[in-house]
Amino acid sequence: MASGIGYRGTNRCFPFWEDFQQCYFSSKQESRSDCVGARDDYLECLHHFKEIARVRTIQAVERENFAKAKNNGTEHKIISLASGGGTSS
């Protein structure tokens, strides 16, 4: 990342990059292990690994609850996160 400023202004992850860069260059450890948290925050901002994993876990639980409700004869609606908040059954 060169400057963090592009055609449409500052990149949304640039503050995380600055935090990581500041930690990295001010670290007194050779391994820079004290900057792992800052690096993880920056990578999460870029790729959303943790967010995607959490959404998949929630969706799996919702599908499981729907299957249980269907087997019990009760009504349970799954809220779709992708379609703008609508429900599907």
PDB file of N, CA and C in Angstrom:
ATOM      1  N   MET A   1       0.852  -1.165   0.000  1.00  0.00           N
ATOM      2  CA  MET A   1       0.000   0.000   0.000  1.00  0.00           C
ATOM      3  C   MET A   1       0.895   1.224   0.000  1.00  0.00           C
ATOM      4  N   ALA A   2       0.776   2.026  -0.987  1.00  0.00           N
ATOM      5  CA  ALA A   2       1.674   3.165  -1.128  1.00  0.00           C
ATOM      6  C   ALA A   2       1.252   4.316  -0.225  1.00  0.00           C
ATOM      7  N   SER A   3       0.156   4.971  -0.515  1.00  0.00           N
ATOM      8  CA  SER A   3      -0.225   6.140   0.261  1.00  0.00           C
ATOM      9  C   SER A   3      -1.557   5.950   0.965  1.00  0.00           C
ATOM     10  N   GLY A   4      -2.396   5.042   0.469  1.00  0.00           N
ATOM     11  CA  GLY A   4      -3.713   4.855   1.049  1.00  0.00           C
ATOM     12  C   GLY A   4      -4.751   5.806   0.500  1.00  0.00           C
ATOM     13  N   ILE A   5      -4.341   6.704  -0.363  1.00  0.00           N
ATOM     14  CA  ILE A   5      -5.261   7.667  -0.942  1.00  0.00           C
ATOM     15  C   ILE A   5      -5.402   7.352  -2.418  1.00  0.00           C
ATOM     16  N   GLY A   6      -6.620   7.057  -2.817  1.00  0.00           N
ATOM     17  CA  GLY A   6      -6.878   6.704  -4.197  1.00  0.00           C
ATOM     18  C   GLY A   6      -7.767   7.720  -4.881  1.00  0.00           C
ATOM     19  N   TYR A   7      -8.352   7.298  -5.957  1.00  0.00           N
ATOM     20  CA  TYR A   7      -9.198   8.169  -6.767  1.00  0.00           C
ATOM     21  C   TYR A   7     -10.394   8.678  -5.975  1.00  0.00           C
ATOM     22  N   ARG A   8     -10.977   7.818  -5.123  1.00  0.00           N
ATOM     23  CA  ARG A   8     -12.173   8.186  -4.365  1.00  0.00           C
ATOM     24  C   ARG A   8     -11.858   8.567  -2.915  1.00  0.00           C
ATOM     25  N   GLY A   9     -10.643   8.895  -2.619  1.00  0.00           N
ATOM     26  CA  GLY A   9     -10.298   9.308  -1.264  1.00  0.00           C
ATOM     27  C   GLY A   9      -9.502   8.234  -0.546  1.00  0.00           C
ATOM     28  N   THR A  10      -9.534   8.296   0.774  1.00  0.00           N
ATOM     29  CA  THR A  10      -8.762   7.383   1.598  1.00  0.00           C
ATOM     30  C   THR A  10      -9.402   5.997   1.611  1.00  0.00           C
ATOM     31  N   ASN A  11      -8.585   4.986   1.510  1.00  0.00           N
ATOM     32  CA  ASN A  11      -9.028   3.604   1.568  1.00  0.00           C
ATOM     33  C   ASN A  11      -9.592   3.313   2.946  1.00  0.00           C
ATOM     34  N   ARG A  12     -10.648   2.499   3.053  1.00  0.00           N
ATOM     35  CA  ARG A  12     -11.292   2.221   4.341  1.00  0.00           C
ATOM     36  C   ARG A  12     -10.366   1.477   5.292  1.00  0.00           C
ATOM     37  N   CYS A  13      -9.386   0.758   4.793  1.00  0.00           N
ATOM     38  CA  CYS A  13      -8.470  -0.008   5.635  1.00  0.00           C
ATOM     39  C   CYS A  13      -7.170   0.727   5.936  1.00  0.00           C
ATOM     40  N   PHE A  14      -7.015   1.913   5.386  1.00  0.00           N
ATOM     41  CA  PHE A  14      -5.767   2.641   5.566  1.00  0.00           C
ATOM     42  C   PHE A  14      -5.444   2.941   7.032  1.00  0.00           C
ATOM     43  N   PRO A  15      -6.435   3.303   7.880  1.00  0.00           N
ATOM     44  CA  PRO A  15      -6.091   3.519   9.297  1.00  0.00           C
ATOM     45  C   PRO A  15      -5.522   2.259   9.964  1.00  0.00           C
ATOM     46  N   PHE A  16      -6.023   1.085   9.589  1.00  0.00           N
ATOM     47  CA  PHE A  16      -5.486  -0.161  10.135  1.00  0.00           C
ATOM     48  C   PHE A  16      -4.059  -0.400   9.641  1.00  0.00           C
ATOM     49  N   TRP A  17      -3.812  -0.045   8.381  1.00  0.00           N
ATOM     50  CA  TRP A  17      -2.467  -0.174   7.828  1.00  0.00           C
ATOM     51  C   TRP A  17      -1.496   0.743   8.556  1.00  0.00           C
ATOM     52  N   GLU A  18      -1.928   1.964   8.823  1.00  0.00           N
ATOM     53  CA  GLU A  18      -1.070   2.903   9.538  1.00  0.00           C
ATOM     54  C   GLU A  18      -0.737   2.393  10.944  1.00  0.00           C
ATOM     55  N   ASP A  19      -1.736   1.839  11.629  1.00  0.00           N
ATOM     56  CA  ASP A  19      -1.500   1.283  12.968  1.00  0.00           C
ATOM     57  C   ASP A  19      -0.492   0.146  12.908  1.00  0.00           C
ATOM     58  N   PHE A  20      -0.670  -0.750  11.934  1.00  0.00           N
ATOM     59  CA  PHE A  20       0.250  -1.868  11.783  1.00  0.00           C
ATOM     60  C   PHE A  20       1.658  -1.379  11.446  1.00  0.00           C
ATOM     61  N   GLN A  21       1.753  -0.453  10.533  1.00  0.00           N
ATOM     62  CA  GLN A  21       3.051   0.075  10.115  1.00  0.00           C
ATOM     63  C   GLN A  21       3.762   0.767  11.278  1.00  0.00           C
ATOM     64  N   GLN A  22       3.022   1.552  12.051  1.00  0.00           N
ATOM     65  CA  GLN A  22       3.608   2.230  13.206  1.00  0.00           C
ATOM     66  C   GLN A  22       4.120   1.215  14.219  1.00  0.00           C
ATOM     67  N   CYS A  23       3.319   0.179  14.478  1.00  0.00           N
ATOM     68  CA  CYS A  23       3.733  -0.873  15.405  1.00  0.00           C
ATOM     69  C   CYS A  23       4.972  -1.588  14.888  1.00  0.00           C
ATOM     70  N   TYR A  24       4.972  -1.923  13.619  1.00  0.00           N
ATOM     71  CA  TYR A  24       6.073  -2.685  13.023  1.00  0.00           C
ATOM     72  C   TYR A  24       7.405  -1.934  13.138  1.00  0.00           C
ATOM     73  N   PHE A  25       7.387  -0.658  12.788  1.00  0.00           N
ATOM     74  CA  PHE A  25       8.639   0.097  12.783  1.00  0.00           C
ATOM     75  C   PHE A  25       9.085   0.539  14.175  1.00  0.00           C
ATOM     76  N   SER A  26       8.155   0.576  15.128  1.00  0.00           N
ATOM     77  CA  SER A  26       8.543   0.960  16.488  1.00  0.00           C
ATOM     78  C   SER A  26       8.815  -0.250  17.379  1.00  0.00           C
ATOM     79  N   SER A  27       8.598  -1.449  16.853  1.00  0.00           N
ATOM     80  CA  SER A  27       8.801  -2.665  17.634  1.00  0.00           C
ATOM     81  C   SER A  27      10.281  -2.887  17.916  1.00  0.00           C
ATOM     82  N   LYS A  28      10.552  -3.269  19.154  1.00  0.00           N
ATOM     83  CA  LYS A  28      11.933  -3.537  19.537  1.00  0.00           C
ATOM     84  C   LYS A  28      12.267  -5.024  19.405  1.00  0.00           C
ATOM     85  N   GLN A  29      11.253  -5.842  19.159  1.00  0.00           N
ATOM     86  CA  GLN A  29      11.471  -7.282  18.995  1.00  0.00           C
ATOM     87  C   GLN A  29      11.858  -7.580  17.550  1.00  0.00           C
ATOM     88  N   GLU A  30      12.732  -8.539  17.384  1.00  0.00           N
ATOM     89  CA  GLU A  30      13.150  -8.939  16.038  1.00  0.00           C
ATOM     90  C   GLU A  30      12.001  -9.623  15.289  1.00  0.00           C
ATOM     91  N   SER A  31      11.184 -10.393  16.009  1.00  0.00           N
ATOM     92  CA  SER A  31      10.107 -11.157  15.371  1.00  0.00           C
ATOM     93  C   SER A  31       8.852 -10.320  15.112  1.00  0.00           C
ATOM     94  N   ARG A  32       8.771  -9.143  15.720  1.00  0.00           N
ATOM     95  CA  ARG A  32       7.611  -8.254  15.576  1.00  0.00           C
ATOM     96  C   ARG A  32       6.322  -8.936  16.046  1.00  0.00           C
ATOM     97  N   SER A  33       6.443  -9.857  16.998  1.00  0.00           N
ATOM     98  CA  SER A  33       5.276 -10.606  17.466  1.00  0.00           C
ATOM     99  C   SER A  33       4.290  -9.734  18.232  1.00  0.00           C
ATOM    100  N   ASP A  34       4.710  -8.581  18.703  1.00  0.00           N
ATOM    101  CA  ASP A  34       3.792  -7.687  19.389  1.00  0.00           C
ATOM    102  C   ASP A  34       2.848  -6.971  18.422  1.00  0.00           C
ATOM    103  N   CYS A  35       3.057  -7.124  17.122  1.00  0.00           N
ATOM    104  CA  CYS A  35       2.220  -6.460  16.118  1.00  0.00           C
ATOM    105  C   CYS A  35       1.207  -7.414  15.481  1.00  0.00           C
ATOM    106  N   VAL A  36       1.074  -8.611  16.013  1.00  0.00           N
ATOM    107  CA  VAL A  36       0.162  -9.591  15.427  1.00  0.00           C
ATOM    108  C   VAL A  36      -1.279  -9.082  15.447  1.00  0.00           C
ATOM    109  N   GLY A  37      -1.680  -8.447  16.542  1.00  0.00           N
ATOM    110  CA  GLY A  37      -3.048  -7.919  16.634  1.00  0.00           C
ATOM    111  C   GLY A  37      -3.326  -6.857  15.585  1.00  0.00           C
ATOM    112  N   ALA A  38      -2.392  -5.943  15.396  1.00  0.00           N
ATOM    113  CA  ALA A  38      -2.558  -4.891  14.393  1.00  0.00           C
ATOM    114  C   ALA A  38      -2.594  -5.478  12.983  1.00  0.00           C
ATOM    115  N   ARG A  39      -1.751  -6.482  12.735  1.00  0.00           N
ATOM    116  CA  ARG A  39      -1.749  -7.142  11.424  1.00  0.00           C
ATOM    117  C   ARG A  39      -3.072  -7.859  11.174  1.00  0.00           C
ATOM    118  N   ASP A  40      -3.576  -8.558  12.204  1.00  0.00           N
ATOM    119  CA  ASP A  40      -4.844  -9.274  12.061  1.00  0.00           C
ATOM    120  C   ASP A  40      -6.003  -8.317  11.807  1.00  0.00           C
ATOM    121  N   ASP A  41      -5.995  -7.158  12.468  1.00  0.00           N
ATOM    122  CA  ASP A  41      -7.043  -6.164  12.230  1.00  0.00           C
ATOM    123  C   ASP A  41      -7.007  -5.665  10.794  1.00  0.00           C
ATOM    124  N   TYR A  42      -5.808  -5.425  10.282  1.00  0.00           N
ATOM    125  CA  TYR A  42      -5.664  -4.953   8.904  1.00  0.00           C
ATOM    126  C   TYR A  42      -6.142  -6.012   7.905  1.00  0.00           C
ATOM    127  N   LEU A  43      -5.734  -7.258   8.123  1.00  0.00           N
ATOM    128  CA  LEU A  43      -6.150  -8.326   7.207  1.00  0.00           C
ATOM    129  C   LEU A  43      -7.647  -8.588   7.295  1.00  0.00           C
ATOM    130  N   GLU A  44      -8.233  -8.459   8.481  1.00  0.00           N
ATOM    131  CA  GLU A  44      -9.682  -8.616   8.623  1.00  0.00           C
ATOM    132  C   GLU A  44     -10.416  -7.518   7.862  1.00  0.00           C
ATOM    133  N   CYS A  45      -9.893  -6.308   7.924  1.00  0.00           N
ATOM    134  CA  CYS A  45     -10.499  -5.210   7.179  1.00  0.00           C
ATOM    135  C   CYS A  45     -10.456  -5.480   5.676  1.00  0.00           C
ATOM    136  N   LEU A  46      -9.352  -6.035   5.201  1.00  0.00           N
ATOM    137  CA  LEU A  46      -9.219  -6.311   3.770  1.00  0.00           C
ATOM    138  C   LEU A  46     -10.088  -7.473   3.307  1.00  0.00           C
ATOM    139  N   HIS A  47     -10.094  -8.581   4.069  1.00  0.00           N
ATOM    140  CA  HIS A  47     -10.668  -9.831   3.571  1.00  0.00           C
ATOM    141  C   HIS A  47     -11.908 -10.329   4.307  1.00  0.00           C
ATOM    142  N   HIS A  48     -12.190  -9.820   5.491  1.00  0.00           N
ATOM    143  CA  HIS A  48     -13.383 -10.184   6.276  1.00  0.00           C
ATOM    144  C   HIS A  48     -13.460 -11.672   6.617  1.00  0.00           C
ATOM    145  N   PHE A  49     -12.325 -12.305   6.880  1.00  0.00           N
ATOM    146  CA  PHE A  49     -12.311 -13.744   7.187  1.00  0.00           C
ATOM    147  C   PHE A  49     -13.178 -14.084   8.395  1.00  0.00           C
ATOM    148  N   LYS A  50     -13.014 -13.346   9.480  1.00  0.00           N
ATOM    149  CA  LYS A  50     -13.761 -13.622  10.708  1.00  0.00           C
ATOM    150  C   LYS A  50     -15.246 -13.328  10.531  1.00  0.00           C
ATOM    151  N   GLU A  51     -15.554 -12.254   9.841  1.00  0.00           N
ATOM    152  CA  GLU A  51     -16.953 -11.896   9.598  1.00  0.00           C
ATOM    153  C   GLU A  51     -17.652 -12.976   8.768  1.00  0.00           C
ATOM    154  N   ILE A  52     -17.002 -13.437   7.731  1.00  0.00           N
ATOM    155  CA  ILE A  52     -17.579 -14.466   6.872  1.00  0.00           C
ATOM    156  C   ILE A  52     -17.771 -15.760   7.644  1.00  0.00           C
ATOM    157  N   ALA A  53     -16.797 -16.131   8.464  1.00  0.00           N
ATOM    158  CA  ALA A  53     -16.925 -17.348   9.272  1.00  0.00           C
ATOM    159  C   ALA A  53     -18.087 -17.229  10.246  1.00  0.00           C
ATOM    160  N   ARG A  54     -18.251 -16.073  10.844  1.00  0.00           N
ATOM    161  CA  ARG A  54     -19.355 -15.870  11.796  1.00  0.00           C
ATOM    162  C   ARG A  54     -20.701 -15.957  11.091  1.00  0.00           C
ATOM    163  N   VAL A  55     -20.831 -15.353   9.934  1.00  0.00           N
ATOM    164  CA  VAL A  55     -22.088 -15.413   9.181  1.00  0.00           C
ATOM    165  C   VAL A  55     -22.408 -16.851   8.785  1.00  0.00           C
ATOM    166  N   ARG A  56     -21.406 -17.606   8.359  1.00  0.00           N
ATOM    167  CA  ARG A  56     -21.630 -19.005   7.991  1.00  0.00           C
ATOM    168  C   ARG A  56     -22.064 -19.830   9.197  1.00  0.00           C
ATOM    169  N   THR A  57     -21.505 -19.557  10.374  1.00  0.00           N
ATOM    170  CA  THR A  57     -21.907 -20.258  11.591  1.00  0.00           C
ATOM    171  C   THR A  57     -23.358 -19.938  11.931  1.00  0.00           C
ATOM    172  N   ILE A  58     -23.721 -18.672  11.845  1.00  0.00           N
ATOM    173  CA  ILE A  58     -25.098 -18.262  12.130  1.00  0.00           C
ATOM    174  C   ILE A  58     -26.062 -18.910  11.147  1.00  0.00           C
ATOM    175  N   GLN A  59     -25.709 -18.941   9.880  1.00  0.00           N
ATOM    176  CA  GLN A  59     -26.577 -19.551   8.873  1.00  0.00           C
ATOM    177  C   GLN A  59     -26.732 -21.049   9.109  1.00  0.00           C
ATOM    178  N   ALA A  60     -25.667 -21.717   9.527  1.00  0.00           N
ATOM    179  CA  ALA A  60     -25.740 -23.148   9.804  1.00  0.00           C
ATOM    180  C   ALA A  60     -26.681 -23.419  10.971  1.00  0.00           C
ATOM    181  N   VAL A  61     -26.599 -22.609  12.004  1.00  0.00           N
ATOM    182  CA  VAL A  61     -27.494 -22.766  13.157  1.00  0.00           C
ATOM    183  C   VAL A  61     -28.938 -22.486  12.749  1.00  0.00           C
ATOM    184  N   GLU A  62     -29.149 -21.480  11.925  1.00  0.00           N
ATOM    185  CA  GLU A  62     -30.494 -21.175  11.444  1.00  0.00           C
ATOM    186  C   GLU A  62     -31.071 -22.344  10.640  1.00  0.00           C
ATOM    187  N   ARG A  63     -30.261 -22.936   9.757  1.00  0.00           N
ATOM    188  CA  ARG A  63     -30.743 -24.083   8.981  1.00  0.00           C
ATOM    189  C   ARG A  63     -31.069 -25.265   9.891  1.00  0.00           C
ATOM    190  N   GLU A  64     -30.238 -25.469  10.909  1.00  0.00           N
ATOM    191  CA  GLU A  64     -30.474 -26.549  11.868  1.00  0.00           C
ATOM    192  C   GLU A  64     -31.766 -26.306  12.645  1.00  0.00           C
ATOM    193  N   ASN A  65     -31.985 -25.073  13.093  1.00  0.00           N
ATOM    194  CA  ASN A  65     -33.219 -24.738  13.808  1.00  0.00           C
ATOM    195  C   ASN A  65     -34.435 -24.891  12.917  1.00  0.00           C
ATOM    196  N   PHE A  66     -34.297 -24.535  11.652  1.00  0.00           N
ATOM    197  CA  PHE A  66     -35.398 -24.689  10.702  1.00  0.00           C
ATOM    198  C   PHE A  66     -35.740 -26.167  10.514  1.00  0.00           C
ATOM    199  N   ALA A  67     -34.708 -27.007  10.373  1.00  0.00           N
ATOM    200  CA  ALA A  67     -34.940 -28.444  10.199  1.00  0.00           C
ATOM    201  C   ALA A  67     -35.603 -29.039  11.437  1.00  0.00           C
ATOM    202  N   LYS A  68     -35.163 -28.636  12.628  1.00  0.00           N
ATOM    203  CA  LYS A  68     -35.778 -29.125  13.866  1.00  0.00           C
ATOM    204  C   LYS A  68     -37.235 -28.691  13.967  1.00  0.00           C
ATOM    205  N   ALA A  69     -37.504 -27.428  13.624  1.00  0.00           N
ATOM    206  CA  ALA A  69     -38.875 -26.925  13.682  1.00  0.00           C
ATOM    207  C   ALA A  69     -39.759 -27.654  12.680  1.00  0.00           C
ATOM    208  N   LYS A  70     -39.206 -27.947  11.512  1.00  0.00           N
ATOM    209  CA  LYS A  70     -39.981 -28.658  10.488  1.00  0.00           C
ATOM    210  C   LYS A  70     -40.312 -30.071  10.960  1.00  0.00           C
ATOM    211  N   ASN A  71     -39.362 -30.738  11.606  1.00  0.00           N
ATOM    212  CA  ASN A  71     -39.593 -32.082  12.127  1.00  0.00           C
ATOM    213  C   ASN A  71     -40.594 -32.084  13.279  1.00  0.00           C
ATOM    214  N   ASN A  72     -40.627 -31.001  14.076  1.00  0.00           N
ATOM    215  CA  ASN A  72     -41.555 -30.896  15.199  1.00  0.00           C
ATOM    216  C   ASN A  72     -42.925 -30.389  14.780  1.00  0.00           C
ATOM    217  N   GLY A  73     -43.053 -29.900  13.570  1.00  0.00           N
ATOM    218  CA  GLY A  73     -44.328 -29.388  13.082  1.00  0.00           C
ATOM    219  C   GLY A  73     -44.585 -27.941  13.469  1.00  0.00           C
ATOM    220  N   THR A  74     -43.584 -27.238  13.939  1.00  0.00           N
ATOM    221  CA  THR A  74     -43.741 -25.828  14.299  1.00  0.00           C
ATOM    222  C   THR A  74     -43.207 -24.952  13.172  1.00  0.00           C
ATOM    223  N   GLU A  75     -43.538 -23.666  13.248  1.00  0.00           N
ATOM    224  CA  GLU A  75     -43.111 -22.744  12.191  1.00  0.00           C
ATOM    225  C   GLU A  75     -41.841 -22.014  12.605  1.00  0.00           C
ATOM    226  N   HIS A  76     -40.871 -21.987  11.735  1.00  0.00           N
ATOM    227  CA  HIS A  76     -39.609 -21.268  11.954  1.00  0.00           C
ATOM    228  C   HIS A  76     -39.174 -20.702  10.616  1.00  0.00           C
ATOM    229  N   LYS A  77     -38.983 -19.404  10.566  1.00  0.00           N
ATOM    230  CA  LYS A  77     -38.570 -18.757   9.322  1.00  0.00           C
ATOM    231  C   LYS A  77     -37.093 -18.418   9.392  1.00  0.00           C
ATOM    232  N   ILE A  78     -36.414 -18.639   8.279  1.00  0.00           N
ATOM    233  CA  ILE A  78     -35.007 -18.286   8.166  1.00  0.00           C
ATOM    234  C   ILE A  78     -34.925 -16.871   7.599  1.00  0.00           C
ATOM    235  N   ILE A  79     -34.180 -16.025   8.262  1.00  0.00           N
ATOM    236  CA  ILE A  79     -33.986 -14.667   7.786  1.00  0.00           C
ATOM    237  C   ILE A  79     -32.778 -14.677   6.862  1.00  0.00           C
ATOM    238  N   SER A  80     -32.989 -14.288   5.630  1.00  0.00           N
ATOM    239  CA  SER A  80     -31.918 -14.268   4.652  1.00  0.00           C
ATOM    240  C   SER A  80     -31.120 -12.979   4.783  1.00  0.00           C
ATOM    241  N   LEU A  81     -29.813 -13.109   5.011  1.00  0.00           N
ATOM    242  CA  LEU A  81     -28.948 -11.942   5.133  1.00  0.00           C
ATOM    243  C   LEU A  81     -28.582 -11.387   3.764  1.00  0.00           C
ATOM    244  N   ALA A  82     -28.635 -12.211   2.743  1.00  0.00           N
ATOM    245  CA  ALA A  82     -28.194 -11.786   1.413  1.00  0.00           C
ATOM    246  C   ALA A  82     -29.254 -11.006   0.655  1.00  0.00           C
ATOM    247  N   SER A  83     -30.516 -11.260   0.907  1.00  0.00           N
ATOM    248  CA  SER A  83     -31.560 -10.650   0.084  1.00  0.00           C
ATOM    249  C   SER A  83     -32.146  -9.379   0.700  1.00  0.00           C
ATOM    250  N   GLY A  84     -31.434  -8.741   1.577  1.00  0.00           N
ATOM    251  CA  GLY A  84     -31.889  -7.465   2.100  1.00  0.00           C
ATOM    252  C   GLY A  84     -32.856  -7.595   3.264  1.00  0.00           C
ATOM    253  N   GLY A  85     -32.800  -8.695   4.006  1.00  0.00           N
ATOM    254  CA  GLY A  85     -33.618  -8.813   5.207  1.00  0.00           C
ATOM    255  C   GLY A  85     -34.927  -9.531   5.011  1.00  0.00           C
ATOM    256  N   GLY A  86     -35.209 -10.046   3.818  1.00  0.00           N
ATOM    257  CA  GLY A  86     -36.436 -10.794   3.593  1.00  0.00           C
ATOM    258  C   GLY A  86     -36.368 -12.153   4.254  1.00  0.00           C
ATOM    259  N   THR A  87     -37.480 -12.837   4.274  1.00  0.00           N
ATOM    260  CA  THR A  87     -37.494 -14.164   4.869  1.00  0.00           C
ATOM    261  C   THR A  87     -37.716 -15.208   3.799  1.00  0.00           C
ATOM    262  N   SER A  88     -37.206 -16.386   4.058  1.00  0.00           N
ATOM    263  CA  SER A  88     -37.435 -17.510   3.162  1.00  0.00           C
ATOM    264  C   SER A  88     -37.748 -18.722   4.010  1.00  0.00           C
ATOM    265  N   SER A  89     -38.513 -19.641   3.480  1.00  0.00           N
ATOM    266  CA  SER A  89     -38.825 -20.842   4.260  1.00  0.00           C
ATOM    267  C   SER A  89     -38.577 -22.100   3.496  1.00  0.00           C
TER     268      SER A  89
END
